[in-house]
Amino acid sequence: MSDEPTVSLPELEAQSLAEAALLLDHAREKRDPGQLASALDNNLHVWTAIRTIAAHPEATLTETARGNLLRLSDFVATRTLSNGVTIPDETLNTLINVNLQISEGLLDGAKRAAGL
């Protein structure tokens, strides 16, 4: 047996969202179109994974949570694909904030599920 702690899927997704938010923020600060394109692509991949999980019939999500995650993934995809690296700062701020808020919510839910 290993003494390493196990990490739940919600915790992994929370980490991925937080990392994606940091990459987006860093790319925005650097004003580097290549770095921004990479950060946007990474964020889109994270949200595609979340959408896949949320859409799975066996996902243990309330219908409200499922619907919210699916709508957010649509929002992220639409804004990313329609703007690309010309994405306005306001929209980029929204993507970063959404990531951080959902990440926090996932971690809170994981803590409640673990009885902490």
N, C-alpha and C. Protein backbone atom coordinates (compact mmCIF):
# COMPACT_ATOMS: atom_id res chain seq x y z
N MET A 1 0.83 -1.19 0.00
CA MET A 1 0.00 0.00 0.00
C MET A 1 0.87 1.25 0.00
N SER A 2 0.34 2.26 -0.61
CA SER A 2 1.06 3.52 -0.68
C SER A 2 0.50 4.49 0.35
N ASP A 3 1.39 5.29 0.92
CA ASP A 3 0.97 6.31 1.87
C ASP A 3 0.61 7.62 1.19
N GLU A 4 0.74 7.64 -0.15
CA GLU A 4 0.42 8.86 -0.88
C GLU A 4 -1.09 9.07 -0.88
N PRO A 5 -1.50 10.30 -0.65
CA PRO A 5 -2.94 10.57 -0.64
C PRO A 5 -3.53 10.40 -2.04
N THR A 6 -4.76 9.93 -2.09
CA THR A 6 -5.42 9.84 -3.38
C THR A 6 -6.12 11.16 -3.66
N VAL A 7 -6.18 11.49 -4.92
CA VAL A 7 -6.80 12.73 -5.33
C VAL A 7 -8.05 12.38 -6.12
N SER A 8 -9.16 12.99 -5.75
CA SER A 8 -10.42 12.71 -6.42
C SER A 8 -10.50 13.43 -7.76
N LEU A 9 -11.43 12.98 -8.60
CA LEU A 9 -11.63 13.62 -9.89
C LEU A 9 -12.00 15.10 -9.73
N PRO A 10 -12.90 15.46 -8.82
CA PRO A 10 -13.19 16.89 -8.63
C PRO A 10 -11.95 17.69 -8.23
N GLU A 11 -11.09 17.11 -7.41
CA GLU A 11 -9.86 17.80 -7.01
C GLU A 11 -8.92 17.99 -8.21
N LEU A 12 -8.84 16.98 -9.06
CA LEU A 12 -8.00 17.09 -10.27
C LEU A 12 -8.54 18.16 -11.21
N GLU A 13 -9.86 18.17 -11.38
CA GLU A 13 -10.46 19.18 -12.25
C GLU A 13 -10.28 20.57 -11.66
N ALA A 14 -10.40 20.69 -10.33
CA ALA A 14 -10.18 21.98 -9.67
C ALA A 14 -8.76 22.47 -9.93
N GLN A 15 -7.80 21.57 -9.83
CA GLN A 15 -6.41 21.92 -10.07
C GLN A 15 -6.21 22.34 -11.53
N SER A 16 -6.81 21.60 -12.45
CA SER A 16 -6.68 21.93 -13.87
C SER A 16 -7.27 23.30 -14.17
N LEU A 17 -8.42 23.60 -13.57
CA LEU A 17 -9.04 24.92 -13.78
C LEU A 17 -8.18 26.05 -13.22
N ALA A 18 -7.64 25.84 -12.03
CA ALA A 18 -6.80 26.87 -11.41
C ALA A 18 -5.53 27.09 -12.24
N GLU A 19 -4.93 26.01 -12.70
CA GLU A 19 -3.73 26.14 -13.53
C GLU A 19 -4.05 26.84 -14.84
N ALA A 20 -5.19 26.52 -15.44
CA ALA A 20 -5.59 27.17 -16.69
C ALA A 20 -5.80 28.66 -16.46
N ALA A 21 -6.41 29.01 -15.33
CA ALA A 21 -6.61 30.43 -15.00
C ALA A 21 -5.28 31.15 -14.87
N LEU A 22 -4.32 30.52 -14.22
CA LEU A 22 -2.99 31.13 -14.06
C LEU A 22 -2.29 31.31 -15.40
N LEU A 23 -2.42 30.32 -16.28
CA LEU A 23 -1.81 30.43 -17.61
C LEU A 23 -2.44 31.57 -18.41
N LEU A 24 -3.76 31.69 -18.32
CA LEU A 24 -4.46 32.78 -19.02
C LEU A 24 -4.00 34.13 -18.48
N ASP A 25 -3.92 34.24 -17.18
CA ASP A 25 -3.51 35.50 -16.55
C ASP A 25 -2.08 35.86 -16.93
N HIS A 26 -1.20 34.88 -16.90
CA HIS A 26 0.21 35.12 -17.24
C HIS A 26 0.34 35.54 -18.71
N ALA A 27 -0.40 34.87 -19.59
CA ALA A 27 -0.33 35.22 -21.01
C ALA A 27 -0.87 36.62 -21.25
N ARG A 28 -1.91 37.00 -20.53
CA ARG A 28 -2.47 38.34 -20.67
C ARG A 28 -1.44 39.39 -20.24
N GLU A 29 -0.77 39.13 -19.12
CA GLU A 29 0.24 40.07 -18.62
C GLU A 29 1.40 40.23 -19.59
N LYS A 30 1.80 39.14 -20.24
CA LYS A 30 2.95 39.17 -21.16
C LYS A 30 2.59 39.77 -22.51
N ARG A 31 1.30 39.81 -22.81
CA ARG A 31 0.84 40.32 -24.11
C ARG A 31 1.48 39.57 -25.28
N ASP A 32 1.68 38.26 -25.08
CA ASP A 32 2.29 37.41 -26.10
C ASP A 32 1.19 36.59 -26.77
N PRO A 33 0.91 36.86 -28.06
CA PRO A 33 -0.17 36.15 -28.75
C PRO A 33 0.03 34.63 -28.78
N GLY A 34 1.26 34.18 -28.93
CA GLY A 34 1.52 32.74 -28.94
C GLY A 34 1.23 32.10 -27.60
N GLN A 35 1.64 32.77 -26.55
CA GLN A 35 1.40 32.28 -25.20
C GLN A 35 -0.10 32.32 -24.89
N LEU A 36 -0.78 33.35 -25.34
CA LEU A 36 -2.22 33.45 -25.13
C LEU A 36 -2.95 32.36 -25.89
N ALA A 37 -2.54 32.10 -27.13
CA ALA A 37 -3.17 31.03 -27.91
C ALA A 37 -3.01 29.69 -27.20
N SER A 38 -1.83 29.44 -26.67
CA SER A 38 -1.58 28.19 -25.95
C SER A 38 -2.43 28.11 -24.69
N ALA A 39 -2.53 29.21 -23.95
CA ALA A 39 -3.32 29.23 -22.72
C ALA A 39 -4.81 29.05 -23.02
N LEU A 40 -5.29 29.68 -24.08
CA LEU A 40 -6.70 29.52 -24.47
C LEU A 40 -6.98 28.08 -24.90
N ASP A 41 -6.05 27.49 -25.64
CA ASP A 41 -6.20 26.11 -26.07
C ASP A 41 -6.24 25.17 -24.86
N ASN A 42 -5.34 25.39 -23.91
CA ASN A 42 -5.32 24.58 -22.70
C ASN A 42 -6.64 24.71 -21.94
N ASN A 43 -7.13 25.94 -21.80
CA ASN A 43 -8.39 26.18 -21.10
C ASN A 43 -9.54 25.47 -21.80
N LEU A 44 -9.54 25.52 -23.12
CA LEU A 44 -10.59 24.86 -23.89
C LEU A 44 -10.54 23.35 -23.68
N HIS A 45 -9.36 22.78 -23.60
CA HIS A 45 -9.22 21.34 -23.34
C HIS A 45 -9.75 20.98 -21.95
N VAL A 46 -9.45 21.81 -20.97
CA VAL A 46 -9.95 21.57 -19.61
C VAL A 46 -11.48 21.57 -19.61
N TRP A 47 -12.07 22.56 -20.28
CA TRP A 47 -13.53 22.65 -20.30
C TRP A 47 -14.17 21.56 -21.15
N THR A 48 -13.46 21.08 -22.16
CA THR A 48 -13.97 19.95 -22.94
C THR A 48 -14.02 18.71 -22.05
N ALA A 49 -13.00 18.52 -21.22
CA ALA A 49 -13.00 17.38 -20.29
C ALA A 49 -14.14 17.51 -19.28
N ILE A 50 -14.34 18.72 -18.76
CA ILE A 50 -15.44 18.93 -17.81
C ILE A 50 -16.77 18.65 -18.47
N ARG A 51 -16.94 19.10 -19.69
CA ARG A 51 -18.19 18.85 -20.42
C ARG A 51 -18.41 17.36 -20.61
N THR A 52 -17.36 16.64 -20.96
CA THR A 52 -17.46 15.20 -21.17
C THR A 52 -17.89 14.50 -19.89
N ILE A 53 -17.29 14.89 -18.78
CA ILE A 53 -17.64 14.30 -17.48
C ILE A 53 -19.08 14.65 -17.10
N ALA A 54 -19.44 15.91 -17.24
CA ALA A 54 -20.78 16.36 -16.85
C ALA A 54 -21.87 15.71 -17.71
N ALA A 55 -21.57 15.47 -18.98
CA ALA A 55 -22.56 14.90 -19.89
C ALA A 55 -22.72 13.39 -19.72
N HIS A 56 -21.78 12.77 -19.06
CA HIS A 56 -21.85 11.31 -18.88
C HIS A 56 -23.04 10.95 -17.99
N PRO A 57 -23.84 9.99 -18.43
CA PRO A 57 -25.04 9.64 -17.66
C PRO A 57 -24.78 9.16 -16.23
N GLU A 58 -23.62 8.62 -15.98
CA GLU A 58 -23.31 8.11 -14.65
C GLU A 58 -22.61 9.14 -13.75
N ALA A 59 -22.45 10.35 -14.24
CA ALA A 59 -21.82 11.39 -13.43
C ALA A 59 -22.69 11.66 -12.21
N THR A 60 -22.06 11.76 -11.06
CA THR A 60 -22.79 11.99 -9.82
C THR A 60 -22.94 13.49 -9.58
N LEU A 61 -23.75 14.11 -10.41
CA LEU A 61 -24.00 15.54 -10.32
C LEU A 61 -25.50 15.76 -10.22
N THR A 62 -25.87 16.81 -9.52
CA THR A 62 -27.28 17.19 -9.55
C THR A 62 -27.58 17.70 -10.96
N GLU A 63 -28.83 17.69 -11.32
CA GLU A 63 -29.20 18.19 -12.65
C GLU A 63 -28.84 19.68 -12.78
N THR A 64 -28.96 20.41 -11.68
CA THR A 64 -28.60 21.83 -11.70
C THR A 64 -27.11 21.99 -11.98
N ALA A 65 -26.28 21.24 -11.26
CA ALA A 65 -24.83 21.32 -11.46
C ALA A 65 -24.46 20.88 -12.87
N ARG A 66 -25.07 19.80 -13.33
CA ARG A 66 -24.79 19.31 -14.69
C ARG A 66 -25.12 20.39 -15.71
N GLY A 67 -26.31 20.97 -15.59
CA GLY A 67 -26.72 22.01 -16.53
C GLY A 67 -25.82 23.22 -16.49
N ASN A 68 -25.44 23.63 -15.29
CA ASN A 68 -24.55 24.79 -15.15
C ASN A 68 -23.19 24.53 -15.79
N LEU A 69 -22.63 23.35 -15.56
CA LEU A 69 -21.31 23.03 -16.15
C LEU A 69 -21.39 22.94 -17.67
N LEU A 70 -22.47 22.38 -18.17
CA LEU A 70 -22.63 22.29 -19.62
C LEU A 70 -22.78 23.68 -20.24
N ARG A 71 -23.54 24.56 -19.59
CA ARG A 71 -23.69 25.93 -20.10
C ARG A 71 -22.37 26.70 -20.02
N LEU A 72 -21.65 26.52 -18.93
CA LEU A 72 -20.35 27.20 -18.81
C LEU A 72 -19.37 26.70 -19.85
N SER A 73 -19.37 25.40 -20.12
CA SER A 73 -18.45 24.88 -21.13
C SER A 73 -18.80 25.43 -22.51
N ASP A 74 -20.10 25.59 -22.79
CA ASP A 74 -20.52 26.20 -24.05
C ASP A 74 -20.05 27.66 -24.13
N PHE A 75 -20.21 28.38 -23.02
CA PHE A 75 -19.78 29.78 -22.96
C PHE A 75 -18.28 29.89 -23.23
N VAL A 76 -17.48 29.07 -22.55
CA VAL A 76 -16.03 29.11 -22.71
C VAL A 76 -15.66 28.80 -24.16
N ALA A 77 -16.26 27.76 -24.73
CA ALA A 77 -15.94 27.38 -26.10
C ALA A 77 -16.33 28.47 -27.09
N THR A 78 -17.52 29.03 -26.92
CA THR A 78 -17.99 30.06 -27.84
C THR A 78 -17.09 31.30 -27.78
N ARG A 79 -16.79 31.76 -26.58
CA ARG A 79 -15.96 32.95 -26.44
C ARG A 79 -14.54 32.71 -26.96
N THR A 80 -14.01 31.54 -26.68
CA THR A 80 -12.64 31.23 -27.11
C THR A 80 -12.56 31.12 -28.63
N LEU A 81 -13.47 30.35 -29.21
CA LEU A 81 -13.40 30.10 -30.64
C LEU A 81 -13.80 31.32 -31.47
N SER A 82 -14.68 32.16 -30.94
CA SER A 82 -15.10 33.33 -31.71
C SER A 82 -14.08 34.48 -31.63
N ASN A 83 -13.27 34.51 -30.58
CA ASN A 83 -12.32 35.61 -30.40
C ASN A 83 -10.87 35.23 -30.65
N GLY A 84 -10.48 34.03 -30.28
CA GLY A 84 -9.07 33.65 -30.40
C GLY A 84 -8.19 34.60 -29.61
N VAL A 85 -7.02 34.91 -30.14
CA VAL A 85 -6.07 35.76 -29.41
C VAL A 85 -6.49 37.22 -29.38
N THR A 86 -7.55 37.58 -30.10
CA THR A 86 -8.06 38.95 -30.04
C THR A 86 -9.11 39.09 -28.95
N ILE A 87 -9.19 38.11 -28.08
CA ILE A 87 -10.18 38.10 -27.00
C ILE A 87 -10.04 39.37 -26.16
N PRO A 88 -11.14 40.07 -25.92
CA PRO A 88 -11.05 41.29 -25.10
C PRO A 88 -10.65 40.96 -23.66
N ASP A 89 -9.96 41.90 -23.03
CA ASP A 89 -9.53 41.70 -21.64
C ASP A 89 -10.71 41.38 -20.72
N GLU A 90 -11.84 42.03 -20.95
CA GLU A 90 -13.03 41.79 -20.12
C GLU A 90 -13.47 40.33 -20.21
N THR A 91 -13.46 39.77 -21.41
CA THR A 91 -13.84 38.37 -21.60
C THR A 91 -12.80 37.45 -20.99
N LEU A 92 -11.55 37.80 -21.15
CA LEU A 92 -10.47 37.01 -20.55
C LEU A 92 -10.59 37.01 -19.03
N ASN A 93 -10.90 38.17 -18.47
CA ASN A 93 -11.13 38.25 -17.02
C ASN A 93 -12.28 37.34 -16.60
N THR A 94 -13.33 37.31 -17.40
CA THR A 94 -14.48 36.45 -17.10
C THR A 94 -14.07 34.99 -17.11
N LEU A 95 -13.30 34.57 -18.12
CA LEU A 95 -12.85 33.17 -18.19
C LEU A 95 -12.00 32.81 -16.98
N ILE A 96 -11.11 33.71 -16.60
CA ILE A 96 -10.25 33.46 -15.44
C ILE A 96 -11.09 33.34 -14.17
N ASN A 97 -12.03 34.27 -13.99
CA ASN A 97 -12.88 34.24 -12.80
C ASN A 97 -13.77 33.01 -12.74
N VAL A 98 -14.31 32.62 -13.88
CA VAL A 98 -15.14 31.40 -13.92
C VAL A 98 -14.31 30.20 -13.49
N ASN A 99 -13.10 30.09 -14.05
CA ASN A 99 -12.23 28.97 -13.69
C ASN A 99 -11.96 28.93 -12.19
N LEU A 100 -11.62 30.08 -11.63
CA LEU A 100 -11.29 30.12 -10.21
C LEU A 100 -12.50 29.83 -9.33
N GLN A 101 -13.67 30.35 -9.71
CA GLN A 101 -14.87 30.09 -8.91
C GLN A 101 -15.30 28.63 -8.99
N ILE A 102 -15.25 28.04 -10.16
CA ILE A 102 -15.62 26.63 -10.29
C ILE A 102 -14.60 25.76 -9.58
N SER A 103 -13.33 26.11 -9.68
CA SER A 103 -12.29 25.37 -8.98
C SER A 103 -12.55 25.38 -7.48
N GLU A 104 -12.86 26.54 -6.95
CA GLU A 104 -13.16 26.66 -5.52
C GLU A 104 -14.38 25.83 -5.14
N GLY A 105 -15.40 25.88 -5.98
CA GLY A 105 -16.61 25.09 -5.71
C GLY A 105 -16.34 23.59 -5.73
N LEU A 106 -15.52 23.15 -6.66
CA LEU A 106 -15.17 21.72 -6.72
C LEU A 106 -14.40 21.29 -5.48
N LEU A 107 -13.47 22.13 -5.04
CA LEU A 107 -12.71 21.79 -3.83
C LEU A 107 -13.60 21.78 -2.60
N ASP A 108 -14.52 22.75 -2.49
CA ASP A 108 -15.45 22.76 -1.36
C ASP A 108 -16.32 21.50 -1.36
N GLY A 109 -16.81 21.12 -2.54
CA GLY A 109 -17.62 19.91 -2.64
C GLY A 109 -16.83 18.66 -2.28
N ALA A 110 -15.57 18.60 -2.69
CA ALA A 110 -14.73 17.45 -2.36
C ALA A 110 -14.49 17.37 -0.86
N LYS A 111 -14.32 18.52 -0.22
CA LYS A 111 -14.12 18.54 1.22
C LYS A 111 -15.37 18.07 1.95
N ARG A 112 -16.54 18.54 1.50
CA ARG A 112 -17.79 18.11 2.12
C ARG A 112 -18.00 16.61 1.95
N ALA A 113 -17.69 16.10 0.75
CA ALA A 113 -17.85 14.67 0.48
C ALA A 113 -16.91 13.83 1.35
N ALA A 114 -15.75 14.39 1.67
CA ALA A 114 -14.77 13.67 2.51
C ALA A 114 -15.07 13.87 3.99
N GLY A 115 -16.07 14.67 4.32
CA GLY A 115 -16.43 14.91 5.71
C GLY A 115 -15.51 15.86 6.43
N LEU A 116 -14.83 16.71 5.69
CA LEU A 116 -13.91 17.69 6.32
C LEU A 116 -14.60 18.99 6.62
